[in-house]
Amino acid sequence: MWHRLIDLWTHNRYLLIAFVVAICLSVFFSARAISQFVYWADPARQDQTLAGWMTPRYVGKSYDIPPEIIQEAFDLQQDGNPRRISLDKLSEEKGISLNDMQSQLDVTVARWRAEQGMLNE
């Protein structure tokens, strides 16, 4: 078997390197996709109570709702690039508590899920 690898290295070096890089990238992205799937499939990650360290994007993934609903719930402006801001900073900017943000989110999500015909989870 080693003589085959040496032969490939000698005559097809660039193809062998490209093949190894392609395999490494495939393994990397597969592992990343699987880890994301496992993380978000955990029931403990679904519909989490808001915490200061969370970002609006994280909340959207936790509640499995589109970004527009998060923008509506937290009264965010879509002005250019989305900001990566924690809910602590967002609550300071808006002058409301996390509990008030949770209430706004619950109402908005319940309305959106009712419109979509989803069961209340």
N, C-alpha and C. Protein backbone atom coordinates (compact mmCIF):
# COMPACT_ATOMS: atom_id res chain seq x y z
N MET A 1 0.82 -1.19 0.00
CA MET A 1 0.00 0.00 0.00
C MET A 1 0.87 1.25 0.00
N TRP A 2 1.96 1.24 0.71
CA TRP A 2 2.80 2.43 0.78
C TRP A 2 3.39 2.76 -0.59
N HIS A 3 3.70 1.72 -1.38
CA HIS A 3 4.26 2.00 -2.71
C HIS A 3 3.24 2.73 -3.60
N ARG A 4 1.92 2.49 -3.37
CA ARG A 4 0.88 3.20 -4.11
C ARG A 4 0.85 4.68 -3.72
N LEU A 5 0.96 4.94 -2.43
CA LEU A 5 0.98 6.33 -1.97
C LEU A 5 2.23 7.06 -2.47
N ILE A 6 3.35 6.37 -2.44
CA ILE A 6 4.59 6.99 -2.93
C ILE A 6 4.46 7.27 -4.43
N ASP A 7 3.85 6.34 -5.15
CA ASP A 7 3.64 6.52 -6.59
C ASP A 7 2.71 7.71 -6.84
N LEU A 8 1.62 7.81 -6.08
CA LEU A 8 0.71 8.95 -6.21
C LEU A 8 1.42 10.26 -5.89
N TRP A 9 2.22 10.27 -4.84
CA TRP A 9 2.95 11.47 -4.45
C TRP A 9 3.94 11.88 -5.53
N THR A 10 4.58 10.90 -6.15
CA THR A 10 5.59 11.18 -7.16
C THR A 10 4.96 11.71 -8.45
N HIS A 11 3.87 11.08 -8.90
CA HIS A 11 3.32 11.41 -10.21
C HIS A 11 2.11 12.35 -10.17
N ASN A 12 1.40 12.41 -9.06
CA ASN A 12 0.17 13.23 -8.98
C ASN A 12 0.13 14.02 -7.67
N ARG A 13 1.20 14.69 -7.39
CA ARG A 13 1.33 15.39 -6.11
C ARG A 13 0.20 16.38 -5.87
N TYR A 14 -0.10 17.22 -6.86
CA TYR A 14 -1.13 18.26 -6.66
C TYR A 14 -2.52 17.65 -6.51
N LEU A 15 -2.81 16.61 -7.24
CA LEU A 15 -4.10 15.95 -7.09
C LEU A 15 -4.23 15.28 -5.72
N LEU A 16 -3.17 14.67 -5.25
CA LEU A 16 -3.19 14.05 -3.94
C LEU A 16 -3.39 15.09 -2.84
N ILE A 17 -2.70 16.21 -2.96
CA ILE A 17 -2.86 17.29 -1.98
C ILE A 17 -4.29 17.82 -2.02
N ALA A 18 -4.83 18.03 -3.22
CA ALA A 18 -6.21 18.51 -3.35
C ALA A 18 -7.20 17.51 -2.76
N PHE A 19 -6.95 16.23 -2.97
CA PHE A 19 -7.82 15.19 -2.43
C PHE A 19 -7.80 15.19 -0.90
N VAL A 20 -6.62 15.30 -0.33
CA VAL A 20 -6.49 15.32 1.13
C VAL A 20 -7.16 16.57 1.71
N VAL A 21 -6.98 17.70 1.07
CA VAL A 21 -7.63 18.94 1.53
C VAL A 21 -9.15 18.80 1.45
N ALA A 22 -9.64 18.22 0.36
CA ALA A 22 -11.09 18.03 0.21
C ALA A 22 -11.64 17.11 1.29
N ILE A 23 -10.93 16.05 1.61
CA ILE A 23 -11.37 15.15 2.69
C ILE A 23 -11.37 15.88 4.03
N CYS A 24 -10.32 16.65 4.31
CA CYS A 24 -10.26 17.39 5.58
C CYS A 24 -11.41 18.39 5.69
N LEU A 25 -11.70 19.11 4.61
CA LEU A 25 -12.81 20.07 4.63
C LEU A 25 -14.15 19.36 4.81
N SER A 26 -14.30 18.22 4.16
CA SER A 26 -15.54 17.46 4.31
C SER A 26 -15.73 16.99 5.75
N VAL A 27 -14.68 16.51 6.36
CA VAL A 27 -14.76 16.06 7.75
C VAL A 27 -15.07 17.24 8.67
N PHE A 28 -14.42 18.37 8.45
CA PHE A 28 -14.63 19.55 9.28
C PHE A 28 -16.08 20.02 9.21
N PHE A 29 -16.61 20.21 7.99
CA PHE A 29 -17.97 20.73 7.86
C PHE A 29 -19.01 19.70 8.28
N SER A 30 -18.74 18.44 8.09
CA SER A 30 -19.67 17.40 8.57
C SER A 30 -19.73 17.40 10.09
N ALA A 31 -18.57 17.48 10.73
CA ALA A 31 -18.54 17.51 12.20
C ALA A 31 -19.24 18.76 12.73
N ARG A 32 -19.03 19.87 12.05
CA ARG A 32 -19.68 21.12 12.47
C ARG A 32 -21.20 21.02 12.33
N ALA A 33 -21.67 20.47 11.22
CA ALA A 33 -23.11 20.33 11.01
C ALA A 33 -23.73 19.38 12.03
N ILE A 34 -23.06 18.28 12.30
CA ILE A 34 -23.57 17.32 13.27
C ILE A 34 -23.61 17.93 14.67
N SER A 35 -22.56 18.67 15.03
CA SER A 35 -22.55 19.28 16.37
C SER A 35 -23.66 20.31 16.51
N GLN A 36 -23.92 21.10 15.46
CA GLN A 36 -25.02 22.07 15.51
C GLN A 36 -26.36 21.36 15.62
N PHE A 37 -26.53 20.29 14.87
CA PHE A 37 -27.78 19.53 14.93
C PHE A 37 -28.01 18.98 16.33
N VAL A 38 -26.98 18.39 16.91
CA VAL A 38 -27.12 17.81 18.25
C VAL A 38 -27.40 18.90 19.28
N TYR A 39 -26.71 20.03 19.17
CA TYR A 39 -26.90 21.13 20.12
C TYR A 39 -28.34 21.64 20.09
N TRP A 40 -28.86 21.93 18.89
CA TRP A 40 -30.20 22.53 18.80
C TRP A 40 -31.31 21.50 18.93
N ALA A 41 -31.01 20.21 18.81
CA ALA A 41 -32.04 19.18 18.98
C ALA A 41 -32.29 18.88 20.46
N ASP A 42 -31.40 19.32 21.33
CA ASP A 42 -31.56 19.10 22.77
C ASP A 42 -32.76 19.89 23.27
N PRO A 43 -33.73 19.24 23.91
CA PRO A 43 -34.91 19.96 24.40
C PRO A 43 -34.58 21.08 25.39
N ALA A 44 -33.46 20.99 26.07
CA ALA A 44 -33.08 22.05 27.01
C ALA A 44 -32.73 23.34 26.28
N ARG A 45 -32.43 23.28 25.00
CA ARG A 45 -32.07 24.47 24.22
C ARG A 45 -33.28 25.12 23.55
N GLN A 46 -34.43 24.51 23.63
CA GLN A 46 -35.61 25.02 22.93
C GLN A 46 -36.46 25.88 23.87
N ASP A 47 -36.85 27.03 23.36
CA ASP A 47 -37.67 27.99 24.11
C ASP A 47 -37.06 28.33 25.47
N GLN A 48 -35.79 28.65 25.46
CA GLN A 48 -35.10 28.99 26.71
C GLN A 48 -35.57 30.34 27.24
N THR A 49 -35.57 30.44 28.56
CA THR A 49 -35.84 31.73 29.19
C THR A 49 -34.67 32.66 28.87
N LEU A 50 -34.98 33.92 28.61
CA LEU A 50 -33.95 34.86 28.21
C LEU A 50 -32.91 35.05 29.31
N ALA A 51 -31.67 35.16 28.87
CA ALA A 51 -30.55 35.46 29.76
C ALA A 51 -29.75 36.59 29.11
N GLY A 52 -29.04 37.33 29.91
CA GLY A 52 -28.32 38.51 29.42
C GLY A 52 -27.25 38.21 28.39
N TRP A 53 -26.65 37.04 28.43
CA TRP A 53 -25.57 36.70 27.50
C TRP A 53 -26.07 36.35 26.11
N MET A 54 -27.36 36.07 25.97
CA MET A 54 -27.91 35.65 24.67
C MET A 54 -27.92 36.81 23.68
N THR A 55 -27.87 36.46 22.41
CA THR A 55 -28.04 37.43 21.34
C THR A 55 -29.41 37.20 20.70
N PRO A 56 -29.94 38.19 19.98
CA PRO A 56 -31.21 37.96 19.30
C PRO A 56 -31.17 36.76 18.34
N ARG A 57 -30.05 36.55 17.70
CA ARG A 57 -29.94 35.39 16.79
C ARG A 57 -30.06 34.08 17.56
N TYR A 58 -29.41 34.00 18.71
CA TYR A 58 -29.50 32.79 19.54
C TYR A 58 -30.94 32.55 19.97
N VAL A 59 -31.62 33.61 20.36
CA VAL A 59 -33.02 33.49 20.79
C VAL A 59 -33.88 32.99 19.63
N GLY A 60 -33.61 33.50 18.42
CA GLY A 60 -34.35 33.06 17.25
C GLY A 60 -34.16 31.58 16.97
N LYS A 61 -32.94 31.10 17.15
CA LYS A 61 -32.68 29.67 16.96
C LYS A 61 -33.32 28.85 18.06
N SER A 62 -33.29 29.35 19.28
CA SER A 62 -33.87 28.62 20.40
C SER A 62 -35.38 28.48 20.24
N TYR A 63 -36.03 29.54 19.78
CA TYR A 63 -37.49 29.52 19.62
C TYR A 63 -37.91 29.04 18.23
N ASP A 64 -36.93 28.81 17.35
CA ASP A 64 -37.18 28.33 15.99
C ASP A 64 -38.14 29.25 15.25
N ILE A 65 -37.78 30.54 15.25
CA ILE A 65 -38.59 31.53 14.56
C ILE A 65 -37.69 32.35 13.62
N PRO A 66 -38.28 32.94 12.58
CA PRO A 66 -37.47 33.72 11.63
C PRO A 66 -36.96 35.02 12.25
N PRO A 67 -35.90 35.57 11.67
CA PRO A 67 -35.31 36.82 12.20
C PRO A 67 -36.30 37.98 12.26
N GLU A 68 -37.25 38.02 11.33
CA GLU A 68 -38.21 39.12 11.33
C GLU A 68 -39.06 39.14 12.60
N ILE A 69 -39.36 37.98 13.12
CA ILE A 69 -40.17 37.90 14.34
C ILE A 69 -39.35 38.37 15.54
N ILE A 70 -38.07 38.03 15.56
CA ILE A 70 -37.18 38.52 16.64
C ILE A 70 -37.09 40.04 16.56
N GLN A 71 -36.94 40.58 15.35
CA GLN A 71 -36.87 42.04 15.20
C GLN A 71 -38.14 42.70 15.71
N GLU A 72 -39.27 42.08 15.42
CA GLU A 72 -40.55 42.61 15.89
C GLU A 72 -40.66 42.52 17.41
N ALA A 73 -40.25 41.38 17.97
CA ALA A 73 -40.39 41.18 19.42
C ALA A 73 -39.52 42.13 20.21
N PHE A 74 -38.31 42.38 19.73
CA PHE A 74 -37.36 43.22 20.46
C PHE A 74 -37.31 44.64 19.91
N ASP A 75 -38.18 44.96 18.96
CA ASP A 75 -38.25 46.29 18.35
C ASP A 75 -36.88 46.71 17.82
N LEU A 76 -36.29 45.84 17.00
CA LEU A 76 -34.98 46.11 16.41
C LEU A 76 -35.15 46.75 15.05
N GLN A 77 -34.24 47.63 14.71
CA GLN A 77 -34.25 48.27 13.40
C GLN A 77 -33.34 47.49 12.47
N GLN A 78 -33.80 47.25 11.24
CA GLN A 78 -32.96 46.59 10.25
C GLN A 78 -32.26 47.68 9.45
N ASP A 79 -31.15 48.17 9.98
CA ASP A 79 -30.42 49.24 9.32
C ASP A 79 -29.02 48.75 8.95
N GLY A 80 -28.92 48.13 7.78
CA GLY A 80 -27.61 47.65 7.33
C GLY A 80 -27.28 46.30 7.93
N ASN A 81 -26.03 46.15 8.34
CA ASN A 81 -25.56 44.88 8.87
C ASN A 81 -26.17 44.60 10.23
N PRO A 82 -26.55 43.36 10.48
CA PRO A 82 -27.09 43.03 11.81
C PRO A 82 -25.99 43.14 12.87
N ARG A 83 -26.39 43.62 14.02
CA ARG A 83 -25.43 43.79 15.10
C ARG A 83 -25.42 42.55 15.98
N ARG A 84 -24.26 42.24 16.49
CA ARG A 84 -24.15 41.16 17.46
C ARG A 84 -24.13 41.83 18.84
N ILE A 85 -25.29 41.85 19.43
CA ILE A 85 -25.42 42.55 20.70
C ILE A 85 -26.09 41.59 21.68
N SER A 86 -25.63 41.64 22.92
CA SER A 86 -26.24 40.78 23.93
C SER A 86 -27.56 41.39 24.39
N LEU A 87 -28.39 40.55 24.98
CA LEU A 87 -29.68 41.06 25.46
C LEU A 87 -29.49 42.03 26.63
N ASP A 88 -28.41 41.87 27.41
CA ASP A 88 -28.11 42.84 28.47
C ASP A 88 -27.94 44.24 27.89
N LYS A 89 -27.10 44.34 26.86
CA LYS A 89 -26.86 45.64 26.25
C LYS A 89 -28.11 46.17 25.55
N LEU A 90 -28.84 45.27 24.92
CA LEU A 90 -30.06 45.67 24.25
C LEU A 90 -31.09 46.19 25.23
N SER A 91 -31.21 45.53 26.39
CA SER A 91 -32.17 45.98 27.40
C SER A 91 -31.75 47.33 27.98
N GLU A 92 -30.44 47.56 28.10
CA GLU A 92 -29.97 48.88 28.56
C GLU A 92 -30.32 49.96 27.54
N GLU A 93 -30.09 49.66 26.25
CA GLU A 93 -30.40 50.64 25.21
C GLU A 93 -31.89 50.97 25.16
N LYS A 94 -32.73 49.95 25.31
CA LYS A 94 -34.18 50.14 25.23
C LYS A 94 -34.77 50.64 26.55
N GLY A 95 -34.03 50.46 27.65
CA GLY A 95 -34.53 50.90 28.95
C GLY A 95 -35.60 49.99 29.52
N ILE A 96 -35.54 48.69 29.17
CA ILE A 96 -36.51 47.74 29.71
C ILE A 96 -35.75 46.55 30.31
N SER A 97 -36.42 45.82 31.16
CA SER A 97 -35.78 44.68 31.82
C SER A 97 -35.87 43.43 30.94
N LEU A 98 -35.08 42.43 31.31
CA LEU A 98 -35.14 41.15 30.60
C LEU A 98 -36.51 40.50 30.76
N ASN A 99 -37.14 40.69 31.91
CA ASN A 99 -38.48 40.13 32.11
C ASN A 99 -39.49 40.75 31.15
N ASP A 100 -39.38 42.06 30.93
CA ASP A 100 -40.26 42.72 29.97
C ASP A 100 -39.98 42.23 28.54
N MET A 101 -38.70 42.03 28.24
CA MET A 101 -38.34 41.50 26.93
C MET A 101 -38.89 40.08 26.76
N GLN A 102 -38.84 39.29 27.84
CA GLN A 102 -39.38 37.93 27.78
C GLN A 102 -40.88 37.97 27.52
N SER A 103 -41.57 38.89 28.17
CA SER A 103 -43.02 39.02 27.95
C SER A 103 -43.33 39.41 26.51
N GLN A 104 -42.59 40.38 25.97
CA GLN A 104 -42.79 40.79 24.58
C GLN A 104 -42.53 39.61 23.64
N LEU A 105 -41.46 38.87 23.92
CA LEU A 105 -41.12 37.72 23.08
C LEU A 105 -42.20 36.66 23.13
N ASP A 106 -42.69 36.36 24.32
CA ASP A 106 -43.71 35.33 24.47
C ASP A 106 -44.97 35.68 23.68
N VAL A 107 -45.39 36.93 23.76
CA VAL A 107 -46.59 37.37 23.04
C VAL A 107 -46.37 37.29 21.53
N THR A 108 -45.24 37.78 21.08
CA THR A 108 -44.95 37.79 19.64
C THR A 108 -44.83 36.37 19.10
N VAL A 109 -44.13 35.49 19.82
CA VAL A 109 -43.95 34.11 19.37
C VAL A 109 -45.29 33.37 19.37
N ALA A 110 -46.10 33.58 20.42
CA ALA A 110 -47.41 32.91 20.48
C ALA A 110 -48.28 33.35 19.31
N ARG A 111 -48.28 34.64 18.99
CA ARG A 111 -49.06 35.14 17.86
C ARG A 111 -48.54 34.55 16.54
N TRP A 112 -47.22 34.53 16.36
CA TRP A 112 -46.65 34.00 15.13
C TRP A 112 -46.95 32.51 14.97
N ARG A 113 -46.81 31.76 16.07
CA ARG A 113 -47.09 30.32 15.99
C ARG A 113 -48.56 30.06 15.72
N ALA A 114 -49.45 30.90 16.27
CA ALA A 114 -50.88 30.75 15.99
C ALA A 114 -51.17 31.03 14.51
N GLU A 115 -50.51 32.04 13.96
CA GLU A 115 -50.69 32.36 12.55
C GLU A 115 -50.18 31.23 11.66
N GLN A 116 -49.12 30.57 12.10
CA GLN A 116 -48.53 29.49 11.32
C GLN A 116 -49.27 28.17 11.53
N GLY A 117 -50.20 28.15 12.46
CA GLY A 117 -50.94 26.92 12.74
C GLY A 117 -50.13 25.92 13.55
N MET A 118 -49.15 26.43 14.27
CA MET A 118 -48.31 25.55 15.09
C MET A 118 -48.95 25.39 16.46
N LEU A 119 -48.70 24.27 17.08
CA LEU A 119 -49.17 24.06 18.45
C LEU A 119 -48.36 24.90 19.40
N ASN A 120 -48.96 25.38 20.44
CA ASN A 120 -48.21 26.09 21.47
C ASN A 120 -47.30 25.12 22.17
N GLU A 121 -46.02 25.41 22.14
CA GLU A 121 -45.03 24.50 22.73
C GLU A 121 -44.49 25.06 24.01
